[in-house]
Amino acid sequence: MEQTPIIINRIFLKANCKKIKTNCMKIFICFFFSLLFMLHTIAQNSHFITEGKIEFERKLNLHSQFNDDNAWSAEYKKSIPQFKTTYFNLLFNNNKTLYQPGREVAENNKLWEQPAEENIVYSDLDKQQMISQKKIFEKTFLITDSTRKIQWKITDEKRTIAGFECRRANALIMDSVYIVAFYTDEIVTTSGPESFSGLPGMILGVAIPHEHITWFATKLTAIPIKETDFKIPVKGVKLNNNTLKETLKSSLKDWGKYADRYIKAAFY
């Protein structure tokens, strides 16, 4: 009879151990499913875009082209808007892009044509190749060359463009032209408008302060982009960037300082 309490204690101990194990298993199962739910939520929120269409608004300050301190320039600026706005579409699918003219602006019919308003730029980032069709005055050129190498300096400054949080980067192109760009890593294609690329994501904003020109995305449309949507330009006198530069310098040699703006615009 003296062993009865010991036997009862052992029975209770086994029962408690079993209960503890059951509770531990329940806790583990709850933790496991909570972890799965958390990972699923993170996966849903971590959405990276690989294809679609981006509209860019290109703004050029026309008044900056009339800096001469004379009565004619002052009077002429009163007759035209300060900015000329044009639109371009950028199609992208993984590592291919096509930048081309977009919707028209009726008011522009009253203004004279500016350089680079009809540019078409196709980029194959895997091949590091770019094919551009550019109309300069009355002549069309077809330029095939490698993608531009830009030494970017990424900063901590951020800005929201077309609903995307973008980070700022600065660089020099054409040896002395200072540019500012904003990119988002939510779009994995490392490209941008015109020939700007090389940042860890899509460039949604570019400003060239001293040339008084900007490109900023207005909206992104997430639509499937097929291989056949990339209409590679084929028209124009065939050359590369070096021969284009020499051709323009020769053609505009009598233009003095006014030639510089057209030459720079050909290489945006």
Protein backbone atom coordinates (compact mmCIF):
# COMPACT_ATOMS: atom_id res chain seq x y z
CA MET A 1 0.00 0.00 0.00
CA GLU A 2 2.91 2.36 0.57
CA GLN A 3 3.82 2.19 -3.16
CA THR A 4 0.40 3.41 -4.25
CA PRO A 5 1.29 7.18 -4.04
CA ILE A 6 4.45 6.50 -6.06
CA ILE A 7 2.48 4.67 -8.75
CA ILE A 8 -0.11 7.45 -8.85
CA ASN A 9 2.64 10.09 -9.11
CA ARG A 10 4.19 8.23 -12.01
CA ILE A 11 0.82 8.05 -13.75
CA PHE A 12 0.32 11.80 -13.29
CA LEU A 13 3.91 12.49 -14.44
CA LYS A 14 3.40 10.51 -17.63
CA ALA A 15 0.11 12.27 -18.23
CA ASN A 16 1.73 15.68 -17.71
CA CYS A 17 4.63 14.82 -20.04
CA LYS A 18 2.18 13.73 -22.67
CA LYS A 19 0.22 16.95 -22.22
CA ILE A 20 3.40 19.04 -22.44
CA LYS A 21 4.45 17.26 -25.64
CA THR A 22 0.98 17.84 -27.11
CA ASN A 23 1.12 21.55 -26.23
CA CYS A 24 4.65 21.83 -27.66
CA MET A 25 3.47 20.21 -30.87
CA LYS A 26 0.53 22.64 -31.09
CA ILE A 27 2.85 25.58 -30.51
CA PHE A 28 5.24 24.29 -33.19
CA ILE A 29 2.40 23.79 -35.69
CA CYS A 30 1.06 27.29 -34.99
CA PHE A 31 4.53 28.78 -35.42
CA PHE A 32 5.12 26.81 -38.63
CA PHE A 33 1.89 27.98 -40.26
CA SER A 34 2.45 31.54 -39.03
CA LEU A 35 5.87 31.47 -40.68
CA LEU A 36 4.38 30.17 -43.93
CA PHE A 37 1.76 32.93 -43.88
CA MET A 38 4.40 35.58 -43.25
CA LEU A 39 6.58 34.31 -46.12
CA HIS A 40 3.56 34.23 -48.42
CA THR A 41 2.68 37.83 -47.51
CA ILE A 42 6.27 38.96 -48.16
CA ALA A 43 6.26 37.18 -51.51
CA GLN A 44 3.01 38.91 -52.48
CA ASN A 45 4.35 42.33 -51.55
CA SER A 46 7.72 41.79 -53.24
CA HIS A 47 6.50 42.43 -56.79
CA PHE A 48 9.13 43.04 -59.42
CA ILE A 49 8.05 44.19 -62.88
CA THR A 50 9.72 42.62 -65.93
CA GLU A 51 7.61 43.93 -68.84
CA GLY A 52 5.28 46.74 -69.74
CA LYS A 53 5.03 50.23 -71.26
CA ILE A 54 6.23 53.49 -69.71
CA GLU A 55 5.16 56.92 -70.95
CA PHE A 56 7.83 59.63 -70.67
CA GLU A 57 7.15 63.36 -70.75
CA ARG A 58 10.02 65.25 -72.36
CA LYS A 59 10.20 68.96 -71.57
CA LEU A 60 12.54 71.43 -73.25
CA ASN A 61 12.87 75.03 -72.07
CA LEU A 62 12.52 77.06 -75.28
CA HIS A 63 13.21 80.39 -73.59
CA SER A 64 16.70 79.18 -72.65
CA GLN A 65 17.58 79.19 -76.35
CA PHE A 66 17.19 82.97 -76.48
CA ASN A 67 19.63 84.26 -73.92
CA ASP A 68 20.86 87.11 -76.08
CA ASP A 69 20.29 90.40 -74.29
CA ASN A 70 18.39 92.22 -77.00
CA ALA A 71 14.89 93.49 -77.62
CA TRP A 72 14.12 90.92 -80.35
CA SER A 73 14.83 87.91 -78.07
CA ALA A 74 12.78 89.39 -75.25
CA GLU A 75 9.86 90.09 -77.54
CA TYR A 76 10.00 86.69 -79.26
CA LYS A 77 9.91 84.82 -75.93
CA LYS A 78 6.59 86.51 -75.21
CA SER A 79 5.09 84.87 -78.30
CA ILE A 80 5.98 81.26 -77.46
CA PRO A 81 5.41 79.01 -74.43
CA GLN A 82 8.35 78.57 -72.10
CA PHE A 83 8.39 74.78 -72.49
CA LYS A 84 7.82 72.44 -75.40
CA THR A 85 6.41 69.11 -74.20
CA THR A 86 6.58 65.88 -76.18
CA TYR A 87 5.77 62.30 -75.22
CA PHE A 88 7.59 59.02 -75.78
CA ASN A 89 6.77 55.40 -74.98
CA LEU A 90 9.28 52.89 -73.70
CA LEU A 91 8.39 49.22 -74.24
CA PHE A 92 10.40 46.78 -72.14
CA ASN A 93 10.55 43.03 -71.70
CA ASN A 94 13.36 41.71 -69.51
CA ASN A 95 16.52 42.97 -71.23
CA LYS A 96 15.07 44.49 -74.40
CA THR A 97 13.62 47.98 -74.78
CA LEU A 98 12.18 50.18 -77.52
CA TYR A 99 11.92 53.96 -77.04
CA GLN A 100 9.79 55.77 -79.63
CA PRO A 101 7.52 58.81 -80.10
CA GLY A 102 4.19 58.60 -78.25
CA ARG A 103 1.00 60.68 -78.23
CA GLU A 104 0.98 64.00 -80.03
CA VAL A 105 0.48 67.45 -78.52
CA ALA A 106 -1.66 69.68 -80.74
CA GLU A 107 0.00 72.90 -79.54
CA ASN A 108 3.35 71.72 -80.89
CA ASN A 109 2.15 72.20 -84.46
CA LYS A 110 2.68 75.94 -83.91
CA LEU A 111 6.29 75.49 -82.77
CA TRP A 112 9.42 74.70 -84.74
CA GLU A 113 10.89 71.22 -84.67
CA GLN A 114 13.59 70.56 -82.08
CA PRO A 115 16.44 68.02 -82.21
CA ALA A 116 15.70 64.44 -81.06
CA GLU A 117 11.91 64.76 -81.25
CA GLU A 118 11.55 61.73 -83.51
CA ASN A 119 14.21 59.46 -82.01
CA ILE A 120 13.65 55.71 -82.00
CA VAL A 121 16.08 53.73 -79.82
CA TYR A 122 16.17 49.93 -79.59
CA SER A 123 18.37 48.33 -76.93
CA ASP A 124 19.39 44.70 -76.43
CA LEU A 125 21.05 44.74 -73.02
CA ASP A 126 22.14 41.10 -73.22
CA LYS A 127 24.11 41.84 -76.40
CA GLN A 128 25.03 45.36 -75.14
CA GLN A 129 23.85 46.70 -78.49
CA MET A 130 21.84 49.77 -79.40
CA ILE A 131 20.22 50.65 -82.74
CA SER A 132 18.94 54.22 -83.09
CA GLN A 133 17.04 56.06 -85.79
CA LYS A 134 17.53 59.82 -85.51
CA LYS A 135 16.31 62.62 -87.74
CA ILE A 136 18.60 65.62 -87.74
CA PHE A 137 17.23 68.45 -89.86
CA GLU A 138 16.06 66.78 -93.08
CA LYS A 139 18.36 63.76 -92.89
CA THR A 140 17.73 60.44 -91.11
CA PHE A 141 20.57 58.41 -89.62
CA LEU A 142 20.61 54.77 -88.49
CA ILE A 143 23.22 54.35 -85.76
CA THR A 144 24.37 50.92 -84.59
CA ASP A 145 26.74 50.89 -81.63
CA SER A 146 27.31 49.43 -78.18
CA THR A 147 25.21 50.57 -75.23
CA ARG A 148 26.55 53.67 -73.52
CA LYS A 149 28.83 53.15 -70.52
CA ILE A 150 28.03 55.73 -67.84
CA GLN A 151 29.93 56.05 -64.56
CA TRP A 152 27.05 56.69 -62.20
CA LYS A 153 27.38 57.90 -58.62
CA ILE A 154 24.35 56.75 -56.61
CA THR A 155 23.18 59.02 -53.77
CA ASP A 156 20.79 58.63 -50.82
CA GLU A 157 18.28 61.14 -52.21
CA LYS A 158 14.89 59.67 -53.11
CA ARG A 159 11.92 60.86 -55.13
CA THR A 160 8.57 59.37 -56.11
CA ILE A 161 7.98 59.21 -59.88
CA ALA A 162 4.87 57.67 -61.46
CA GLY A 163 4.11 55.96 -58.16
CA PHE A 164 7.57 54.39 -57.75
CA GLU A 165 10.13 55.30 -55.12
CA CYS A 166 13.29 56.20 -57.02
CA ARG A 167 16.86 56.85 -55.98
CA ARG A 168 19.02 59.60 -57.44
CA ALA A 169 22.27 59.09 -59.34
CA ASN A 170 24.59 61.65 -60.96
CA ALA A 171 27.02 61.35 -63.86
CA LEU A 172 28.87 63.07 -66.68
CA ILE A 173 28.30 62.19 -70.33
CA MET A 174 30.10 63.47 -73.41
CA ASP A 175 33.00 64.38 -71.07
CA SER A 176 31.37 67.48 -69.58
CA VAL A 177 27.55 67.25 -69.64
CA TYR A 178 26.20 66.86 -66.09
CA ILE A 179 23.09 64.67 -65.76
CA VAL A 180 20.80 63.64 -62.92
CA ALA A 181 18.81 60.41 -63.04
CA PHE A 182 16.26 58.67 -60.81
CA TYR A 183 15.81 54.89 -60.97
CA THR A 184 13.63 52.24 -59.33
CA ASP A 185 14.71 48.67 -58.60
CA GLU A 186 11.05 47.56 -58.68
CA ILE A 187 11.44 47.39 -62.47
CA VAL A 188 14.28 44.98 -63.14
CA THR A 189 15.19 46.14 -66.66
CA THR A 190 18.31 48.30 -66.33
CA SER A 191 17.43 50.80 -69.03
CA GLY A 192 15.72 54.17 -69.46
CA PRO A 193 14.70 56.85 -71.99
CA GLU A 194 16.93 57.57 -74.99
CA SER A 195 20.35 55.92 -74.42
CA PHE A 196 20.42 56.30 -70.62
CA SER A 197 21.02 53.01 -68.80
CA GLY A 198 23.42 51.23 -66.46
CA LEU A 199 21.71 51.71 -63.09
CA PRO A 200 20.35 48.79 -60.98
CA GLY A 201 16.79 49.24 -62.24
CA MET A 202 14.68 51.26 -64.66
CA ILE A 203 15.46 54.98 -65.00
CA LEU A 204 12.19 56.90 -64.64
CA GLY A 205 13.59 60.42 -64.58
CA VAL A 206 16.48 62.28 -66.25
CA ALA A 207 17.43 65.95 -66.08
CA ILE A 208 20.23 67.74 -67.93
CA PRO A 209 20.21 71.08 -66.08
CA HIS A 210 22.60 73.05 -68.29
CA GLU A 211 20.79 71.93 -71.44
CA HIS A 212 17.38 72.76 -69.89
CA ILE A 213 15.78 69.40 -70.76
CA THR A 214 14.09 66.67 -68.71
CA TRP A 215 12.48 63.27 -69.20
CA PHE A 216 10.10 62.01 -66.51
CA ALA A 217 7.81 59.00 -66.51
CA THR A 218 4.11 59.83 -66.18
CA LYS A 219 2.69 56.32 -65.94
CA LEU A 220 3.49 52.63 -66.29
CA THR A 221 1.11 50.19 -67.95
CA ALA A 222 1.79 46.59 -66.95
CA ILE A 223 0.99 44.76 -70.20
CA PRO A 224 2.59 41.76 -71.91
CA ILE A 225 5.22 42.81 -74.46
CA LYS A 226 5.84 40.31 -77.26
CA GLU A 227 9.02 39.93 -79.27
CA THR A 228 7.15 41.23 -82.33
CA ASP A 229 6.37 44.49 -80.49
CA PHE A 230 10.02 45.49 -80.76
CA LYS A 231 10.07 47.13 -84.19
CA ILE A 232 13.80 47.58 -84.73
CA PRO A 233 14.49 50.76 -86.76
CA VAL A 234 15.86 50.17 -90.26
CA LYS A 235 15.73 53.55 -92.07
CA GLY A 236 18.56 56.01 -92.47
CA VAL A 237 22.20 56.44 -93.39
CA LYS A 238 24.08 53.68 -91.59
CA LEU A 239 26.94 54.67 -89.30
CA ASN A 240 28.13 54.49 -85.68
CA ASN A 241 28.39 57.18 -82.99
CA ASN A 242 31.92 58.25 -83.92
CA THR A 243 31.12 58.72 -87.61
CA LEU A 244 27.87 60.52 -86.74
CA LYS A 245 29.77 62.97 -84.55
CA GLU A 246 32.29 63.68 -87.30
CA THR A 247 29.49 64.08 -89.87
CA LEU A 248 27.63 66.60 -87.72
CA LYS A 249 30.77 68.58 -86.91
CA SER A 250 31.57 68.86 -90.58
CA SER A 251 28.01 69.80 -91.59
CA LEU A 252 27.60 72.40 -88.83
CA LYS A 253 31.11 73.87 -88.83
CA ASP A 254 29.81 77.31 -89.83
CA TRP A 255 27.15 77.42 -87.10
CA GLY A 256 29.49 78.43 -84.31
CA LYS A 257 28.11 78.02 -80.77
CA TYR A 258 24.64 77.12 -82.09
CA ALA A 259 25.97 73.84 -83.52
CA ASP A 260 26.85 72.57 -80.04
CA ARG A 261 23.21 72.18 -78.99
CA TYR A 262 22.36 70.05 -82.02
CA ILE A 263 25.41 67.84 -81.64
CA LYS A 264 24.71 67.21 -77.96
CA ALA A 265 21.04 66.44 -78.66
CA ALA A 266 22.08 63.77 -81.16
CA PHE A 267 23.79 61.81 -78.37
CA TYR A 268 21.22 61.86 -75.56
